[in-house]
C-alpha cells in the first residue's frame, strides 16, 4: 500500500455529540471498507486510504467508555435535563468524561499503516502534541504513570490537575475518537461525574490556570503544528461544507 501521510482537517464547529459520532463512524467504516477491498487486489490496483482530523466543540454531554462504570455519572435523567446535558455509552476506551463549549475536541481518524502500527505510541504522540501546545502558553504539563491524558503538577503531585482527557478506538490500525482539551471549559460540569473514574485528582482548564480566556483558534493552530511534526503528517484543510 502506498503510504499516505496527508491528513484532511475539518473544523466542524459546535456540533451535537451524536451527529459528530455518526460522522466519525461513517468515515471510520469507509476507511475500513477500503482496506478490506485492497486486500483482495494487486498492489498496483489498491486505493490509498485517507486520514482525517476533526476539530469541534460539543453542547454539554457526558460519555461513558467501554471500561467505565455507570455509577460514575452522578446525575439521573432529571438531573441531566436540568443541566441541559445528554449522556451516551460509546465504543471508545476509558471511563466517563464531559464535553462542552469551550473545550477543544480533536478526533483523528488515521490509518496507522501510513504512520506506525503501535497504539501505545499513538496515544503518547497525542499526549505529546497537547503537552507541547500547553508549553506554548507557558503551562508545564506532562503524564502521570498509569493514567492516560495530560496533567499539571505531574511531578510532585501535590495538587495534580487533569487538563486533557483521552479515549480512542482502533480497529485494523484505523483510529477514531481522540482527545478533549479544556480551554475555556465550564469546570462545574465535571462535578456531576467521577472524571475518568478518578476520585482523588482535580480537573482544570487553560483559562483557570492562566487567569484569562484563551482564543480557541490559537490553541487549534498550535496543536496542529505539533500534531503535524510528531506524526510527520501533511495537514490539508477541507472546506467546512464538504464534511458530510
Protein backbone atom coordinates (compact mmCIF):
# COMPACT_ATOMS: atom_id res chain seq x y z
CA UNK A 1 0.00 0.00 0.00
CA UNK A 2 1.22 3.48 -0.87
CA UNK A 3 1.95 5.47 2.29
CA UNK A 4 -0.29 8.49 2.67
CA UNK A 5 0.64 10.98 5.39
CA UNK A 6 -1.80 13.64 4.20
CA UNK A 7 -4.38 14.39 6.91
CA UNK A 8 -7.59 16.16 5.93
CA UNK A 9 -8.50 18.72 8.60
CA UNK A 10 -12.18 19.56 9.08
CA UNK A 11 -13.36 22.19 11.55
CA UNK A 12 -16.90 21.19 12.47
CA UNK A 13 -17.65 23.99 14.95
CA UNK A 14 -20.19 23.40 17.73
CA UNK A 15 -21.72 20.03 16.80
CA UNK A 16 -24.15 17.76 18.61
CA UNK A 17 -22.29 14.74 20.02
CA UNK A 18 -24.45 12.14 18.28
CA UNK A 19 -24.03 13.93 14.95
CA UNK A 20 -20.25 14.02 15.34
CA UNK A 21 -20.16 10.38 16.45
CA UNK A 22 -22.24 9.32 13.44
CA UNK A 23 -19.92 11.25 11.15
CA UNK A 24 -16.86 9.61 12.70
CA UNK A 25 -18.45 6.18 12.29
CA UNK A 26 -19.15 6.93 8.63
CA UNK A 27 -15.54 7.91 7.90
CA UNK A 28 -14.21 5.04 10.02
CA UNK A 29 -16.30 2.50 8.08
CA UNK A 30 -15.26 3.96 4.72
CA UNK A 31 -11.58 3.60 5.63
CA UNK A 32 -12.02 0.05 6.93
CA UNK A 33 -14.06 -0.97 3.88
CA UNK A 34 -11.37 0.38 1.57
CA UNK A 35 -8.67 -1.52 3.49
CA UNK A 36 -10.70 -4.72 3.18
CA UNK A 37 -11.19 -4.13 -0.53
CA UNK A 38 -7.47 -3.51 -1.03
CA UNK A 39 -6.58 -6.88 0.49
CA UNK A 40 -8.16 -8.65 -2.47
CA UNK A 41 -6.42 -6.50 -5.10
CA UNK A 42 -2.88 -6.49 -6.51
CA UNK A 43 -0.79 -3.68 -5.07
CA UNK A 44 -0.87 -1.58 -8.24
CA UNK A 45 -4.69 -1.55 -8.16
CA UNK A 46 -5.12 -0.65 -4.50
CA UNK A 47 -6.59 2.70 -3.49
CA UNK A 48 -4.87 4.75 -0.82
CA UNK A 49 -6.83 5.10 2.41
CA UNK A 50 -7.46 8.67 3.64
CA UNK A 51 -6.71 10.19 7.06
CA UNK A 52 -8.84 12.80 8.84
CA UNK A 53 -8.52 15.16 11.79
CA UNK A 54 -11.79 16.62 13.05
CA UNK A 55 -11.88 19.66 15.36
CA UNK A 56 -15.12 20.52 17.14
CA UNK A 57 -16.86 21.52 20.33
CA UNK A 58 -19.95 19.85 21.75
CA UNK A 59 -23.01 21.03 23.67
CA UNK A 60 -22.97 19.70 27.26
CA UNK A 61 -22.63 15.91 27.15
CA UNK A 62 -21.29 13.05 29.25
CA UNK A 63 -19.84 9.98 27.54
CA UNK A 64 -19.04 6.62 29.12
CA UNK A 65 -16.36 4.41 27.60
CA UNK A 66 -16.31 0.62 27.43
CA UNK A 67 -14.34 0.21 30.66
CA UNK A 68 -16.41 2.78 32.55
CA UNK A 69 -18.91 2.43 35.39
CA UNK A 70 -22.38 3.91 35.17
CA UNK A 71 -22.29 4.94 38.83
CA UNK A 72 -19.54 7.44 37.92
CA UNK A 73 -22.36 9.56 36.46
CA UNK A 74 -23.84 11.37 39.47
CA UNK A 75 -26.96 12.63 37.68
CA UNK A 76 -30.24 10.89 36.93
CA UNK A 77 -32.39 11.71 33.89
CA UNK A 78 -33.98 14.69 35.64
CA UNK A 79 -30.55 15.98 36.70
CA UNK A 80 -29.27 15.71 33.13
CA UNK A 81 -32.29 17.65 31.89
CA UNK A 82 -31.76 20.38 34.49
CA UNK A 83 -28.14 20.73 33.36
CA UNK A 84 -29.25 20.69 29.69
CA UNK A 85 -26.84 17.80 29.19
CA UNK A 86 -27.05 14.48 27.33
CA UNK A 87 -25.44 11.11 28.07
CA UNK A 88 -24.07 8.39 25.78
CA UNK A 89 -22.43 4.99 26.27
CA UNK A 90 -19.85 4.84 23.50
CA UNK A 91 -17.30 2.49 21.92
CA UNK A 92 -14.02 4.14 22.95
CA UNK A 93 -11.70 3.05 25.73
CA UNK A 94 -11.73 4.74 29.11
CA UNK A 95 -14.32 5.69 31.69
CA UNK A 96 -16.65 8.70 31.88
CA UNK A 97 -15.86 12.22 30.75
CA UNK A 98 -17.55 15.52 29.97
CA UNK A 99 -17.58 17.54 26.75
CA UNK A 100 -18.93 21.05 26.41
CA UNK A 101 -18.50 24.51 24.92
CA UNK A 102 -15.02 25.96 25.41
CA UNK A 103 -13.38 22.55 25.15
CA UNK A 104 -11.30 21.65 22.10
CA UNK A 105 -12.20 18.14 20.94
CA UNK A 106 -9.92 16.52 18.36
CA UNK A 107 -10.88 13.30 16.59
CA UNK A 108 -8.06 11.83 14.46
CA UNK A 109 -9.22 9.12 12.08
CA UNK A 110 -5.86 7.80 10.94
CA UNK A 111 -4.86 4.65 9.12
CA UNK A 112 -1.82 3.90 11.26
CA UNK A 113 -0.44 1.70 8.48
CA UNK A 114 0.63 5.04 6.98
CA UNK A 115 2.48 6.08 10.15
CA UNK A 116 3.34 3.31 12.64
CA UNK A 117 1.40 0.31 13.93
CA UNK A 118 1.76 0.89 17.67
CA UNK A 119 -1.32 2.05 19.60
CA UNK A 120 0.68 2.96 22.70
CA UNK A 121 3.00 5.17 20.65
CA UNK A 122 -0.10 6.71 19.07
CA UNK A 123 -1.54 7.62 22.48
CA UNK A 124 1.78 9.02 23.65
CA UNK A 125 2.03 11.16 20.48
CA UNK A 126 -1.45 12.59 21.09
CA UNK A 127 -0.45 13.39 24.68
CA UNK A 128 2.83 14.93 23.50
CA UNK A 129 1.05 17.18 21.00
CA UNK A 130 -1.06 18.56 23.86
CA UNK A 131 1.94 18.86 26.22
CA UNK A 132 3.85 20.90 23.62
CA UNK A 133 0.79 23.05 22.91
CA UNK A 134 0.38 23.86 26.60
CA UNK A 135 4.08 24.70 26.81
CA UNK A 136 3.50 27.31 24.09
CA UNK A 137 1.15 29.03 26.57
CA UNK A 138 3.60 28.75 29.46
CA UNK A 139 1.93 25.77 31.12
CA UNK A 140 4.15 22.88 32.20
CA UNK A 141 2.21 19.68 31.65
CA UNK A 142 3.05 16.01 31.46
CA UNK A 143 1.99 12.45 32.21
CA UNK A 144 1.25 10.54 35.40
CA UNK A 145 2.22 6.88 35.31
CA UNK A 146 -0.76 4.60 34.85
CA UNK A 147 -3.15 7.43 33.96
CA UNK A 148 -3.94 8.37 30.36
CA UNK A 149 -4.23 12.04 29.46
CA UNK A 150 -2.32 15.21 30.26
CA UNK A 151 -1.80 16.67 33.72
CA UNK A 152 -0.47 19.73 35.52
CA UNK A 153 1.61 19.26 38.69
CA UNK A 154 2.51 15.85 37.31
CA UNK A 155 5.93 15.71 39.00
CA UNK A 156 5.46 16.47 42.72
CA UNK A 157 1.72 15.69 42.51
CA UNK A 158 0.81 17.89 45.47
CA UNK A 159 -2.25 19.05 43.55
CA UNK A 160 -2.35 17.12 40.26
CA UNK A 161 -4.92 18.51 37.81
CA UNK A 162 -6.13 16.89 34.60
CA UNK A 163 -6.39 19.29 31.68
CA UNK A 164 -6.84 16.88 28.76
CA UNK A 165 -8.75 13.60 28.63
CA UNK A 166 -8.18 10.92 26.00
CA UNK A 167 -10.01 7.85 24.79
CA UNK A 168 -9.62 6.09 21.45
CA UNK A 169 -10.85 3.14 19.45
CA UNK A 170 -8.62 1.28 16.99
CA UNK A 171 -9.60 -1.46 14.56
CA UNK A 172 -7.26 -2.88 11.91
CA UNK A 173 -4.97 0.06 12.73
CA UNK A 174 -7.64 2.67 11.98
CA UNK A 175 -8.35 5.10 14.84
CA UNK A 176 -11.34 7.12 15.98
CA UNK A 177 -12.39 9.21 19.00
CA UNK A 178 -9.45 11.13 20.46
CA UNK A 179 -8.78 13.92 22.95
CA UNK A 180 -10.59 16.71 24.78
CA UNK A 181 -8.53 19.70 25.94
CA UNK A 182 -10.12 22.04 28.47
CA UNK A 183 -9.54 25.53 27.11
CA UNK A 184 -12.35 27.77 28.43
CA UNK A 185 -14.47 24.90 29.75
CA UNK A 186 -17.13 25.35 32.49
CA UNK A 187 -15.49 23.04 35.00
CA UNK A 188 -18.59 22.91 37.21
CA UNK A 189 -19.95 20.22 34.88
CA UNK A 190 -17.15 17.86 35.98
CA UNK A 191 -18.71 17.98 39.46
CA UNK A 192 -21.52 15.77 38.17
CA UNK A 193 -19.23 12.81 37.41
CA UNK A 194 -16.23 10.94 38.75
CA UNK A 195 -13.97 12.06 35.86
CA UNK A 196 -12.34 9.04 34.21
CA UNK A 197 -13.16 7.11 37.38
CA UNK A 198 -10.52 9.08 39.36
CA UNK A 199 -11.72 10.29 42.75
CA UNK A 200 -8.64 11.96 44.23
CA UNK A 201 -7.47 14.36 41.50
CA UNK A 202 -8.87 17.64 40.21
CA UNK A 203 -9.77 18.85 36.72
CA UNK A 204 -8.59 22.19 35.34
CA UNK A 205 -8.60 24.35 32.20
CA UNK A 206 -6.22 26.67 30.39
CA UNK A 207 -8.48 29.59 31.34
CA UNK A 208 -8.34 28.74 35.04
CA UNK A 209 -4.57 28.22 35.03
CA UNK A 210 -3.77 31.34 33.01
CA UNK A 211 -6.39 33.57 34.58
CA UNK A 212 -7.76 34.68 31.23
CA UNK A 213 -9.90 33.46 28.36
CA UNK A 214 -7.87 31.76 25.65
CA UNK A 215 -8.58 32.07 21.94
CA UNK A 216 -9.67 28.65 20.68
CA UNK A 217 -8.29 29.33 17.19
CA UNK A 218 -4.84 29.97 18.64
CA UNK A 219 -4.92 26.66 20.54
CA UNK A 220 -6.06 24.81 17.42
CA UNK A 221 -3.24 26.24 15.31
CA UNK A 222 -0.54 25.38 17.84
CA UNK A 223 -1.92 21.86 18.31
CA UNK A 224 -1.90 21.40 14.53
CA UNK A 225 1.78 22.35 14.32
CA UNK A 226 2.79 19.79 16.92
CA UNK A 227 0.50 17.07 15.56
CA UNK A 228 1.98 17.56 12.12
CA UNK A 229 5.57 17.42 13.36
CA UNK A 230 5.09 14.38 15.61
CA UNK A 231 3.28 12.29 13.02
CA UNK A 232 5.28 13.57 10.04
CA UNK A 233 1.91 14.48 8.56
CA UNK A 234 0.87 16.99 5.93
CA UNK A 235 -2.27 18.85 7.05
CA UNK A 236 -4.70 19.84 4.31
CA UNK A 237 -7.79 21.78 5.37
CA UNK A 238 -11.02 20.63 3.79
CA UNK A 239 -13.88 23.11 3.36
CA UNK A 240 -16.44 23.01 6.14
CA UNK A 241 -19.28 22.39 3.63
CA UNK A 242 -17.67 19.14 2.47
CA UNK A 243 -17.87 17.36 5.80
CA UNK A 244 -20.98 15.27 5.01
